[in-house]
């Protein structure tokens, strides 16, 4: 049962316009400007050489004869081959495209394996969906007409509709054959597919090309494997479509190593909530070892290209041992606790916390110097006002980032001044002006802050206004680092807002909300925010985040989605 939402015919364009591709610099230094390539073709995939064209050269004798110039190879392209793969092959060769296989000397079509171009597809559902997993055997059963095989995606027992664009539909037919007549498939335009999926939820799922993801999609794990993690090439992925050429002149065709999922151009940014290695958390670290809190989260943090930590507490050499029953709210951390942040793979540190000046200016300045010695950029706080409020930059895998943060809450002694260290007080006019410039200067401007703390899932009206204002000014991601209790999400004006991630390393065991934690893994690809995966944890023993059980995760996500208005 295939429905189409497009009234316009689908036109396959055979000609390819080549454009110059300049790759942004990454952490490994500037990358060279690359000459004309097919759209989507990565620099690493460019052919190193092209067979020289034969030319007529007179033989230097009285009986010179001309050598005929070989005619361009006649190529037929299987209709299931997607446009980016066609463009990559045509851009790397001089070919004549013909209308039928009978006229062709070379055929471009799907292949079960080989070194040729690939097109990676991923299964998705709207972001506001509880389900996290899908299984290939169930996909095959669904495609054959057994819609009930995927009712677990909808959550209400209904058979979900599969929503696709025409190129993906054609590619899947090339891979799986024709779908069963009872399969509910909706074929629509790329420009509207996410909107239509959200309108149809919860009874909807989709399959989309990796590079056409956007944050309003939630990427499903396929047989336990996530396309949002590195190392996918070494794992089974049934939706990795490969293509090859066959025919009598196939050896004359150079196959580009095209992929729409190039991990060299993919950055994983992991962002966390409140870290405060004090009180009960510090007591457990003293008792069981400094690395005790990292037991269940180290692998996740270490796998990130950029791991963000919002550490609210200064280090101090005279800091007393952790005290589970400490009544004072004046906090410090022992310098040896820095080893935990190293072990977690910290890359950037946020200093917007209102406890950053608790142990005095000398400890605050020494803390900043400790981060500098580690080579970790810090933002949202610093040795003086200028250092605290200015944006800090980093880049990984060709994607560039700017981080800004502030503290609108105080207390006043916690704020940096021209001659005193501390957290950056919020100057919205300054931040909005800076974001306007950063929007054109880097790929992903990010704002995080120590906002007012609320112990509920819903954001307040003022909170919405202030967070949205940062997106309007140019931020692509806005996170509330202040929250001791997770809060809602919002997709607003092209930006992603998470109003509060909850605690990360802090001892608040006194309620379910303070134990619930979110860690956001943002995927940035070729300068664009492609996806956000919300990972959920539960605080145990005052110090250890552990992955939630499926039931705990479903409960938290249901609460967050409801608070988000979904």
Protein backbone atom coordinates (compact mmCIF):
# COMPACT_ATOMS: atom_id res chain seq x y z
CA UNK A 1 0.00 0.00 0.00
CA UNK A 2 2.18 2.81 -1.28
CA UNK A 3 0.90 6.38 -1.05
CA UNK A 4 2.67 9.35 -2.52
CA UNK A 5 2.36 12.89 -1.20
CA UNK A 6 4.13 14.46 -4.14
CA UNK A 7 2.14 15.74 -7.11
CA UNK A 8 5.31 16.51 -9.01
CA UNK A 9 7.11 13.89 -11.13
CA UNK A 10 10.47 12.79 -9.83
CA UNK A 11 13.16 13.79 -12.30
CA UNK A 12 16.52 12.07 -12.39
CA UNK A 13 19.17 14.53 -13.51
CA UNK A 14 21.92 12.84 -15.47
CA UNK A 15 24.25 15.76 -15.94
CA UNK A 16 26.56 16.69 -13.10
CA UNK A 17 27.72 20.18 -12.27
CA UNK A 18 31.07 20.14 -10.56
CA UNK A 19 31.85 22.59 -7.81
CA UNK A 20 34.99 23.40 -5.90
CA UNK A 21 34.97 21.96 -2.40
CA UNK A 22 36.96 23.63 0.36
CA UNK A 23 37.23 21.56 3.50
CA UNK A 24 37.23 23.44 6.82
CA UNK A 25 40.22 23.01 9.05
CA UNK A 26 40.02 20.50 11.90
CA UNK A 27 42.06 19.80 14.96
CA UNK A 28 44.78 18.28 12.83
CA UNK A 29 45.53 21.54 11.06
CA UNK A 30 44.44 23.12 7.81
CA UNK A 31 43.33 20.80 5.05
CA UNK A 32 44.13 21.64 1.44
CA UNK A 33 41.70 23.13 -0.97
CA UNK A 34 40.44 20.38 -3.23
CA UNK A 35 39.67 20.81 -6.90
CA UNK A 36 36.35 20.09 -8.61
CA UNK A 37 34.55 17.08 -7.20
CA UNK A 38 31.11 15.59 -7.40
CA UNK A 39 28.62 16.79 -4.78
CA UNK A 40 29.16 14.94 -1.51
CA UNK A 41 32.46 13.39 -2.59
CA UNK A 42 34.94 13.51 0.27
CA UNK A 43 38.57 14.57 -0.25
CA UNK A 44 39.83 11.19 0.90
CA UNK A 45 37.64 9.55 -1.70
CA UNK A 46 38.96 11.52 -4.66
CA UNK A 47 40.56 9.39 -7.35
CA UNK A 48 44.33 9.78 -7.30
CA UNK A 49 44.55 9.71 -11.06
CA UNK A 50 42.40 9.43 -14.12
CA UNK A 51 43.27 7.29 -17.17
CA UNK A 52 44.72 9.63 -19.78
CA UNK A 53 42.64 10.19 -22.86
CA UNK A 54 44.25 8.74 -25.98
CA UNK A 55 45.03 11.27 -28.70
CA UNK A 56 45.90 10.99 -32.34
CA UNK A 57 49.69 11.29 -32.67
CA UNK A 58 51.29 11.11 -36.14
CA UNK A 59 53.99 8.49 -36.48
CA UNK A 60 57.25 10.22 -37.54
CA UNK A 61 57.55 8.22 -40.76
CA UNK A 62 56.37 8.66 -44.29
CA UNK A 63 53.62 6.11 -43.62
CA UNK A 64 52.09 7.77 -40.54
CA UNK A 65 48.67 6.48 -39.48
CA UNK A 66 46.24 8.03 -36.99
CA UNK A 67 45.23 6.22 -33.79
CA UNK A 68 41.48 6.47 -33.17
CA UNK A 69 40.36 8.15 -29.95
CA UNK A 70 38.40 5.66 -27.83
CA UNK A 71 34.76 6.64 -27.50
CA UNK A 72 33.45 7.48 -24.00
CA UNK A 73 32.19 4.46 -22.13
CA UNK A 74 28.43 3.98 -22.49
CA UNK A 75 26.94 3.69 -19.00
CA UNK A 76 23.50 2.55 -17.91
CA UNK A 77 22.47 3.41 -14.35
CA UNK A 78 20.05 1.22 -12.44
CA UNK A 79 17.05 3.36 -11.33
CA UNK A 80 17.66 2.35 -7.70
CA UNK A 81 21.08 4.03 -7.61
CA UNK A 82 20.74 7.29 -5.60
CA UNK A 83 21.64 10.65 -7.11
CA UNK A 84 24.75 11.26 -4.93
CA UNK A 85 26.29 7.95 -6.03
CA UNK A 86 25.47 8.69 -9.67
CA UNK A 87 27.03 12.12 -9.34
CA UNK A 88 30.18 10.71 -7.74
CA UNK A 89 30.71 8.16 -10.50
CA UNK A 90 29.95 10.60 -13.32
CA UNK A 91 32.15 13.24 -11.76
CA UNK A 92 35.14 10.89 -11.64
CA UNK A 93 34.85 9.69 -15.25
CA UNK A 94 34.05 10.74 -18.80
CA UNK A 95 30.98 8.65 -19.54
CA UNK A 96 28.00 8.67 -21.83
CA UNK A 97 24.77 7.80 -20.06
CA UNK A 98 22.40 5.64 -22.09
CA UNK A 99 18.73 4.88 -21.57
CA UNK A 100 18.79 1.09 -21.48
CA UNK A 101 21.03 -1.72 -20.35
CA UNK A 102 21.07 -3.15 -23.87
CA UNK A 103 22.86 -0.05 -25.18
CA UNK A 104 25.42 0.00 -22.38
CA UNK A 105 29.01 -1.17 -22.17
CA UNK A 106 29.02 -0.70 -18.40
CA UNK A 107 26.24 -1.07 -15.83
CA UNK A 108 26.15 0.86 -12.51
CA UNK A 109 23.97 -1.01 -10.05
CA UNK A 110 23.73 -2.34 -6.50
CA UNK A 111 26.42 -4.76 -5.32
CA UNK A 112 26.53 -7.03 -2.31
CA UNK A 113 30.07 -5.94 -1.49
CA UNK A 114 33.13 -4.33 -2.98
CA UNK A 115 35.26 -1.20 -2.80
CA UNK A 116 32.87 1.06 -4.68
CA UNK A 117 30.69 3.91 -3.46
CA UNK A 118 28.25 3.38 -0.60
CA UNK A 119 25.06 5.00 0.64
CA UNK A 120 24.31 4.58 4.35
CA UNK A 121 20.67 4.68 5.42
CA UNK A 122 19.43 4.84 9.02
CA UNK A 123 16.11 3.94 10.67
CA UNK A 124 14.46 6.84 12.46
CA UNK A 125 11.39 7.92 14.42
CA UNK A 126 10.33 11.39 15.57
CA UNK A 127 12.52 12.62 18.45
CA UNK A 128 9.56 12.47 20.87
CA UNK A 129 9.41 8.66 20.71
CA UNK A 130 10.16 6.24 23.53
CA UNK A 131 11.43 3.35 21.40
CA UNK A 132 15.21 3.18 20.93
CA UNK A 133 15.74 -0.05 18.95
CA UNK A 134 14.68 -1.83 15.79
CA UNK A 135 15.67 -5.28 14.50
CA UNK A 136 16.49 -6.26 10.93
CA UNK A 137 14.43 -9.44 10.98
CA UNK A 138 11.43 -7.31 11.98
CA UNK A 139 12.16 -4.85 9.17
CA UNK A 140 12.21 -7.71 6.65
CA UNK A 141 8.96 -9.11 8.02
CA UNK A 142 7.36 -5.66 7.88
CA UNK A 143 8.53 -5.13 4.28
CA UNK A 144 7.02 -8.49 3.35
CA UNK A 145 3.64 -7.35 4.64
CA UNK A 146 3.65 -8.28 8.34
CA UNK A 147 3.03 -4.81 9.76
CA UNK A 148 2.53 -6.11 13.29
CA UNK A 149 6.27 -6.91 13.39
CA UNK A 150 6.99 -3.27 14.24
CA UNK A 151 4.09 -2.32 16.47
CA UNK A 152 6.58 -1.83 19.32
CA UNK A 153 7.74 1.38 17.61
CA UNK A 154 4.36 3.09 17.95
CA UNK A 155 3.92 2.20 21.61
CA UNK A 156 0.15 1.94 21.25
CA UNK A 157 -0.05 -1.36 19.37
CA UNK A 158 -0.82 0.23 16.00
CA UNK A 159 1.00 -0.66 12.79
CA UNK A 160 3.39 2.23 12.02
CA UNK A 161 3.54 3.81 8.59
CA UNK A 162 6.94 3.81 6.89
CA UNK A 163 7.68 7.29 5.54
CA UNK A 164 10.30 7.63 2.79
CA UNK A 165 11.51 9.91 0.05
CA UNK A 166 11.35 8.56 -3.50
CA UNK A 167 15.14 7.97 -3.80
CA UNK A 168 15.17 5.92 -0.59
CA UNK A 169 12.08 3.99 -1.69
CA UNK A 170 13.76 3.13 -4.99
CA UNK A 171 16.97 2.11 -3.22
CA UNK A 172 15.10 -0.14 -0.79
CA UNK A 173 13.28 -1.84 -3.64
CA UNK A 174 16.67 -2.48 -5.20
CA UNK A 175 17.85 -3.98 -1.92
CA UNK A 176 14.75 -5.84 -0.72
CA UNK A 177 12.55 -6.25 -3.78
CA UNK A 178 8.99 -4.97 -4.03
CA UNK A 179 7.19 -4.47 -0.69
CA UNK A 180 4.14 -6.47 0.23
CA UNK A 181 0.82 -5.00 -0.83
CA UNK A 182 -0.32 -4.47 2.76
CA UNK A 183 2.77 -2.47 3.79
CA UNK A 184 1.74 1.08 4.75
CA UNK A 185 4.34 3.22 2.96
CA UNK A 186 4.14 6.97 2.49
CA UNK A 187 6.42 8.44 -0.19
CA UNK A 188 6.94 12.16 0.21
CA UNK A 189 9.33 15.04 -0.37
CA UNK A 190 12.59 15.49 1.54
CA UNK A 191 11.60 19.05 2.46
CA UNK A 192 8.49 17.89 4.33
CA UNK A 193 9.30 14.39 5.56
CA UNK A 194 10.13 15.36 9.17
CA UNK A 195 7.06 17.56 9.52
CA UNK A 196 4.82 14.81 8.16
CA UNK A 197 6.39 12.24 10.47
CA UNK A 198 5.78 14.43 13.52
CA UNK A 199 2.16 14.95 12.45
CA UNK A 200 1.66 11.18 12.18
CA UNK A 201 3.38 10.13 15.41
CA UNK A 202 3.40 7.83 17.24
CA UNK A 203 2.43 5.40 14.46
CA UNK A 204 5.25 6.30 12.06
CA UNK A 205 8.87 5.46 11.35
CA UNK A 206 11.26 6.23 8.55
CA UNK A 207 14.49 5.36 6.79
CA UNK A 208 16.66 8.28 5.70
CA UNK A 209 20.19 8.82 4.35
CA UNK A 210 22.68 9.47 7.14
CA UNK A 211 23.69 12.89 5.81
CA UNK A 212 20.04 13.98 5.60
CA UNK A 213 19.41 13.51 9.31
CA UNK A 214 18.33 16.47 11.41
CA UNK A 215 17.84 16.77 15.19
CA UNK A 216 14.06 16.32 15.06
CA UNK A 217 14.71 12.69 14.06
CA UNK A 218 15.64 10.12 16.67
CA UNK A 219 18.05 7.55 15.24
CA UNK A 220 17.16 3.98 16.20
CA UNK A 221 19.78 1.37 17.02
CA UNK A 222 19.64 -1.43 14.45
CA UNK A 223 20.29 -4.85 16.01
CA UNK A 224 22.00 -3.04 18.88
CA UNK A 225 24.30 -0.94 16.65
CA UNK A 226 24.06 2.85 16.47
CA UNK A 227 24.92 4.80 13.33
CA UNK A 228 25.74 7.74 15.60
CA UNK A 229 28.83 6.03 17.01
CA UNK A 230 32.26 5.72 15.46
CA UNK A 231 33.49 2.46 13.93
CA UNK A 232 30.34 1.59 11.98
CA UNK A 233 32.41 0.25 9.06
CA UNK A 234 33.57 -2.61 11.29
CA UNK A 235 30.05 -3.58 12.35
CA UNK A 236 27.19 -5.26 10.50
CA UNK A 237 24.84 -2.66 9.05
CA UNK A 238 22.22 -4.05 6.63
CA UNK A 239 21.32 -0.54 5.43
CA UNK A 240 24.80 0.08 4.00
CA UNK A 241 24.07 0.04 0.26
CA UNK A 242 27.03 -0.58 -2.06
CA UNK A 243 27.37 -0.04 -5.81
CA UNK A 244 29.65 -1.36 -8.53
CA UNK A 245 30.09 -1.31 -12.30
CA UNK A 246 30.14 -4.39 -14.51
CA UNK A 247 30.52 -4.90 -18.23
CA UNK A 248 33.18 -5.28 -20.93
CA UNK A 249 34.69 -1.83 -20.33
CA UNK A 250 34.33 -1.79 -16.54
CA UNK A 251 38.11 -1.61 -16.08
CA UNK A 252 38.04 1.83 -17.74
CA UNK A 253 35.69 3.25 -15.10
CA UNK A 254 37.21 4.62 -11.94
CA UNK A 255 35.02 4.01 -8.89
CA UNK A 256 35.24 6.84 -6.35
CA UNK A 257 35.21 5.83 -2.70
CA UNK A 258 32.13 7.93 -2.07
CA UNK A 259 30.22 7.66 1.19
CA UNK A 260 27.52 9.83 2.73
CA UNK A 261 28.85 8.91 6.17
CA UNK A 262 32.50 9.87 6.47
CA UNK A 263 33.67 9.57 10.08
CA UNK A 264 36.64 11.81 9.32
CA UNK A 265 34.11 14.66 9.04
CA UNK A 266 31.96 13.64 12.00
CA UNK A 267 32.32 15.11 15.50
CA UNK A 268 30.75 13.63 18.63
CA UNK A 269 30.13 16.30 21.29
CA UNK A 270 29.03 14.98 24.70
CA UNK A 271 27.53 17.53 27.11
CA UNK A 272 26.79 16.96 30.78
CA UNK A 273 25.03 18.64 33.69
CA UNK A 274 26.17 19.53 37.20
CA UNK A 275 29.55 18.28 38.39
CA UNK A 276 30.38 19.03 42.05
CA UNK A 277 32.96 16.67 43.55
CA UNK A 278 32.04 17.55 47.12
CA UNK A 279 30.16 16.25 50.15
CA UNK A 280 28.82 12.71 49.54
CA UNK A 281 30.44 12.37 46.13
CA UNK A 282 33.83 13.37 47.56
CA UNK A 283 33.36 11.01 50.53
CA UNK A 284 32.79 8.06 48.21
CA UNK A 285 35.83 9.08 46.09
CA UNK A 286 37.95 9.18 49.24
CA UNK A 287 36.57 5.80 50.31
CA UNK A 288 36.62 3.85 47.03
CA UNK A 289 39.10 5.74 44.88
CA UNK A 290 39.07 8.89 42.79
CA UNK A 291 37.80 7.04 39.69
CA UNK A 292 34.84 5.43 41.48
CA UNK A 293 32.21 7.75 39.89
CA UNK A 294 33.40 6.87 36.35
CA UNK A 295 32.77 3.13 36.50
CA UNK A 296 29.69 3.16 34.24
CA UNK A 297 30.24 6.35 32.24
CA UNK A 298 33.94 6.48 31.35
CA UNK A 299 33.58 4.65 28.04
CA UNK A 300 30.86 7.04 26.84
CA UNK A 301 32.83 10.13 27.80
CA UNK A 302 36.10 8.83 26.39
CA UNK A 303 34.46 8.00 23.05
CA UNK A 304 33.55 11.65 22.48
CA UNK A 305 35.60 13.89 20.23
CA UNK A 306 34.70 16.73 22.60
CA UNK A 307 33.68 15.92 26.19
CA UNK A 308 32.11 18.83 28.10
CA UNK A 309 32.19 19.09 31.89
CA UNK A 310 30.48 21.83 33.91
CA UNK A 311 32.53 21.81 37.13
CA UNK A 312 31.03 24.22 39.65
CA UNK A 313 33.67 23.75 42.35
CA UNK A 314 37.22 25.12 42.72
CA UNK A 315 40.18 22.94 43.57
CA UNK A 316 42.08 23.86 46.73
CA UNK A 317 45.17 22.35 48.29
CA UNK A 318 43.74 22.89 51.79
CA UNK A 319 40.36 21.37 50.99
CA UNK A 320 39.22 19.03 53.80
CA UNK A 321 38.23 15.41 53.13
CA UNK A 322 34.76 14.73 51.77
CA UNK A 323 32.04 14.76 54.43
CA UNK A 324 28.76 13.00 53.74
CA UNK A 325 27.06 15.14 56.39
CA UNK A 326 28.60 18.53 55.58
CA UNK A 327 26.11 21.27 56.40
CA UNK A 328 28.02 24.23 54.98
CA UNK A 329 27.33 25.16 51.36
CA UNK A 330 30.86 26.50 50.89
CA UNK A 331 32.52 23.93 48.64
CA UNK A 332 35.94 22.89 47.36
CA UNK A 333 37.51 19.82 45.76
CA UNK A 334 40.85 18.17 46.45
CA UNK A 335 43.38 18.70 43.63
CA UNK A 336 43.81 14.94 43.20
CA UNK A 337 40.18 14.79 41.99
CA UNK A 338 41.47 16.26 38.74
CA UNK A 339 42.44 12.70 37.83
CA UNK A 340 38.74 11.83 37.51
CA UNK A 341 38.25 14.58 34.91
CA UNK A 342 41.33 13.35 33.02
CA UNK A 343 40.02 9.79 33.09
CA UNK A 344 36.68 10.92 31.66
CA UNK A 345 38.47 12.46 28.67
CA UNK A 346 37.49 16.03 29.44
CA UNK A 347 38.08 18.45 26.56
CA UNK A 348 36.29 21.66 27.56
CA UNK A 349 35.28 22.98 30.99
CA UNK A 350 32.37 25.26 31.83
CA UNK A 351 32.86 27.56 34.85
CA UNK A 352 29.48 29.27 35.22
CA UNK A 353 28.71 27.72 38.62
CA UNK A 354 27.76 29.90 41.55
CA UNK A 355 30.20 28.00 43.83
CA UNK A 356 33.24 28.77 41.68
CA UNK A 357 34.47 31.47 44.11
CA UNK A 358 33.60 29.58 47.30
CA UNK A 359 37.21 29.08 48.39
CA UNK A 360 38.47 32.54 47.51
CA UNK A 361 40.22 34.14 44.56
CA UNK A 362 43.53 32.35 45.01
CA UNK A 363 41.89 28.92 44.68
CA UNK A 364 39.77 30.10 41.75
CA UNK A 365 42.81 31.37 39.81
CA UNK A 366 44.79 28.23 40.59
CA UNK A 367 41.86 26.12 39.33
CA UNK A 368 41.86 27.97 36.01
CA UNK A 369 45.61 27.46 35.74
CA UNK A 370 45.14 23.74 36.34
CA UNK A 371 42.75 23.54 33.39
CA UNK A 372 45.20 25.49 31.25
CA UNK A 373 47.98 23.05 32.10
CA UNK A 374 45.71 20.22 30.94
CA UNK A 375 45.12 22.05 27.67
CA UNK A 376 41.36 22.29 28.27
CA UNK A 377 39.60 25.46 27.10
CA UNK A 378 37.45 27.03 29.83
CA UNK A 379 34.52 29.39 29.40
CA UNK A 380 31.75 31.03 31.38
CA UNK A 381 34.23 31.83 34.14
CA UNK A 382 37.85 32.84 34.43
CA UNK A 383 40.58 34.85 36.07
CA UNK A 384 38.78 38.14 35.36
CA UNK A 385 35.68 39.43 33.58
CA UNK A 386 37.29 39.53 30.14
CA UNK A 387 38.48 35.94 30.41
CA UNK A 388 35.18 34.75 31.87
CA UNK A 389 32.80 36.15 29.29
CA UNK A 390 34.60 35.88 25.98
CA UNK A 391 33.81 32.93 23.71
CA UNK A 392 36.27 30.05 23.54
CA UNK A 393 36.90 28.04 20.40
CA UNK A 394 37.77 24.49 19.45
CA UNK A 395 37.55 22.31 16.35
CA UNK A 396 37.48 18.60 15.61
CA UNK A 397 37.24 16.68 12.34
CA UNK A 398 36.69 19.78 10.25
CA UNK A 399 33.85 21.11 12.45
CA UNK A 400 34.33 24.31 14.45
CA UNK A 401 32.72 25.29 17.75
CA UNK A 402 32.43 28.35 19.97
CA UNK A 403 31.34 28.07 23.63
CA UNK A 404 29.85 30.90 25.67
CA UNK A 405 28.32 30.85 29.13
CA UNK A 406 27.21 33.05 31.99
CA UNK A 407 25.57 33.11 35.42
CA UNK A 408 22.52 35.40 35.87
CA UNK A 409 21.86 34.21 39.43
CA UNK A 410 24.88 35.18 41.50
CA UNK A 411 25.51 35.62 44.36
CA UNK A 412 27.48 38.75 43.60
CA UNK A 413 30.70 37.47 45.17
CA UNK A 414 30.66 34.58 42.65
CA UNK A 415 30.78 36.93 39.64
CA UNK A 416 34.01 37.89 37.94
CA UNK A 417 34.95 41.57 37.76
CA UNK A 418 37.72 43.45 35.97
CA UNK A 419 40.13 42.52 38.74
CA UNK A 420 38.56 39.48 40.40
CA UNK A 421 38.05 35.89 39.16
CA UNK A 422 34.71 34.15 39.06
CA UNK A 423 31.78 33.21 36.87
CA UNK A 424 30.72 35.50 34.04
CA UNK A 425 27.67 37.60 34.95
CA UNK A 426 25.07 37.55 32.19
CA UNK A 427 25.14 40.52 29.84
CA UNK A 428 22.54 39.53 27.29
CA UNK A 429 23.26 42.43 24.94
CA UNK A 430 26.94 41.48 24.83
CA UNK A 431 26.21 37.78 24.36
CA UNK A 432 23.65 38.35 21.62
CA UNK A 433 26.08 40.62 19.78
CA UNK A 434 28.85 38.03 20.07
CA UNK A 435 26.55 35.24 18.87
CA UNK A 436 25.62 37.28 15.81
CA UNK A 437 29.29 37.39 14.84
CA UNK A 438 29.95 33.76 15.81
CA UNK A 439 27.11 32.50 13.64
CA UNK A 440 29.18 33.40 10.58
CA UNK A 441 32.56 32.54 12.08
CA UNK A 442 32.05 28.95 13.30
CA UNK A 443 29.80 26.03 12.49
CA UNK A 444 28.22 25.49 15.91
CA UNK A 445 27.91 28.35 18.45
CA UNK A 446 26.92 26.90 21.84
CA UNK A 447 25.53 28.62 24.94
CA UNK A 448 25.33 26.95 28.35
CA UNK A 449 24.71 28.60 31.68
CA UNK A 450 24.04 28.48 35.38
CA UNK A 451 20.40 29.53 35.22
CA UNK A 452 17.98 29.65 38.15
CA UNK A 453 17.38 26.13 39.52
CA UNK A 454 13.94 24.53 39.30
CA UNK A 455 13.03 21.11 40.63
CA UNK A 456 10.48 20.23 37.94
CA UNK A 457 10.53 19.08 34.32
CA UNK A 458 8.76 22.10 32.82
CA UNK A 459 10.71 25.27 31.94
CA UNK A 460 9.32 28.53 33.25
CA UNK A 461 8.02 31.23 30.85
CA UNK A 462 11.03 33.44 31.62
CA UNK A 463 13.36 30.50 31.10
CA UNK A 464 11.85 29.88 27.66
CA UNK A 465 12.26 33.53 26.74
CA UNK A 466 15.90 33.69 27.78
CA UNK A 467 16.93 30.38 26.20
CA UNK A 468 15.11 31.17 22.95
CA UNK A 469 16.78 34.57 22.88
CA UNK A 470 20.17 32.87 22.58
CA UNK A 471 18.95 30.84 19.60
CA UNK A 472 17.51 33.95 17.97
CA UNK A 473 20.91 35.60 18.39
CA UNK A 474 22.73 32.74 16.63
CA UNK A 475 23.28 29.81 19.01
CA UNK A 476 22.69 26.34 17.52
CA UNK A 477 22.68 24.48 20.85
CA UNK A 478 21.57 25.92 24.21
CA UNK A 479 21.86 23.84 27.38
CA UNK A 480 20.96 24.51 30.99
CA UNK A 481 23.91 23.31 33.06
CA UNK A 482 22.33 24.54 36.29
CA UNK A 483 19.61 21.94 36.65
CA UNK A 484 19.73 19.50 39.55
CA UNK A 485 16.56 18.06 37.97
CA UNK A 486 16.20 17.26 34.23
CA UNK A 487 14.03 19.60 32.19
CA UNK A 488 12.30 19.71 28.82
CA UNK A 489 13.56 20.00 25.24
CA UNK A 490 12.61 22.35 22.44
CA UNK A 491 13.34 22.67 18.72
CA UNK A 492 13.18 26.38 18.11
CA UNK A 493 14.12 28.52 15.12
CA UNK A 494 16.62 25.98 13.83
CA UNK A 495 18.26 25.46 17.23
CA UNK A 496 18.16 22.71 19.85
CA UNK A 497 17.36 23.68 23.45
CA UNK A 498 17.67 21.43 26.48
CA UNK A 499 16.44 23.46 29.42
CA UNK A 500 18.21 21.31 32.00
CA UNK A 501 20.32 18.15 31.85
CA UNK A 502 20.16 17.33 35.56
CA UNK A 503 23.04 16.34 37.82
CA UNK A 504 26.08 14.50 36.51
CA UNK A 505 28.57 14.04 39.38
CA UNK A 506 26.77 15.34 42.47
CA UNK A 507 25.42 13.63 45.55
CA UNK A 508 21.72 14.57 45.52
CA UNK A 509 20.10 11.22 46.26
CA UNK A 510 17.08 12.68 48.03
CA UNK A 511 14.52 12.51 45.17
CA UNK A 512 13.88 10.70 41.90
CA UNK A 513 14.22 13.94 39.95
CA UNK A 514 17.64 14.75 41.38
CA UNK A 515 18.85 11.21 40.68
CA UNK A 516 17.66 11.26 37.05
CA UNK A 517 20.34 12.46 34.63
CA UNK A 518 20.64 13.30 30.94
CA UNK A 519 23.85 13.28 28.92
CA UNK A 520 23.40 14.73 25.45
CA UNK A 521 25.50 13.36 22.59
CA UNK A 522 25.38 15.80 19.68
CA UNK A 523 26.52 14.62 16.25
CA UNK A 524 28.00 17.32 14.02
CA UNK A 525 28.65 16.39 10.38
CA UNK A 526 30.25 18.58 7.74
CA UNK A 527 29.50 21.74 9.70
CA UNK A 528 25.89 20.87 10.52
CA UNK A 529 24.13 19.73 13.70
CA UNK A 530 22.90 16.37 12.45
CA UNK A 531 21.46 14.61 15.49
CA UNK A 532 21.17 14.61 19.27
CA UNK A 533 21.01 11.40 21.27
CA UNK A 534 19.74 11.78 24.83
CA UNK A 535 21.45 9.20 27.05
CA UNK A 536 19.91 8.67 30.47
CA UNK A 537 21.50 7.71 33.79
CA UNK A 538 20.45 7.16 37.40
CA UNK A 539 22.61 8.32 40.31
CA UNK A 540 23.61 5.55 42.72
CA UNK A 541 25.48 5.67 46.03
CA UNK A 542 25.84 9.48 46.00
CA UNK A 543 28.55 9.32 43.33
CA UNK A 544 27.95 6.85 40.49
CA UNK A 545 25.77 7.49 37.42
CA UNK A 546 24.64 4.18 35.91
CA UNK A 547 22.66 3.61 32.69
CA UNK A 548 18.91 3.57 33.32
CA UNK A 549 16.89 0.41 32.93
CA UNK A 550 14.43 0.46 30.00
CA UNK A 551 11.58 1.11 32.44
CA UNK A 552 13.40 3.99 34.15
CA UNK A 553 14.32 5.51 30.80
CA UNK A 554 10.75 5.27 29.50
CA UNK A 555 9.47 6.97 32.66
CA UNK A 556 11.93 9.87 32.37
CA UNK A 557 11.47 10.38 28.61
CA UNK A 558 7.69 10.32 29.00
CA UNK A 559 7.93 13.05 31.65
CA UNK A 560 10.33 15.15 29.57
CA UNK A 561 8.30 14.83 26.38
CA UNK A 562 5.13 15.82 28.22
CA UNK A 563 6.91 18.84 29.74
CA UNK A 564 8.08 19.74 26.23
CA UNK A 565 4.48 19.90 25.00
CA UNK A 566 4.75 16.72 22.97
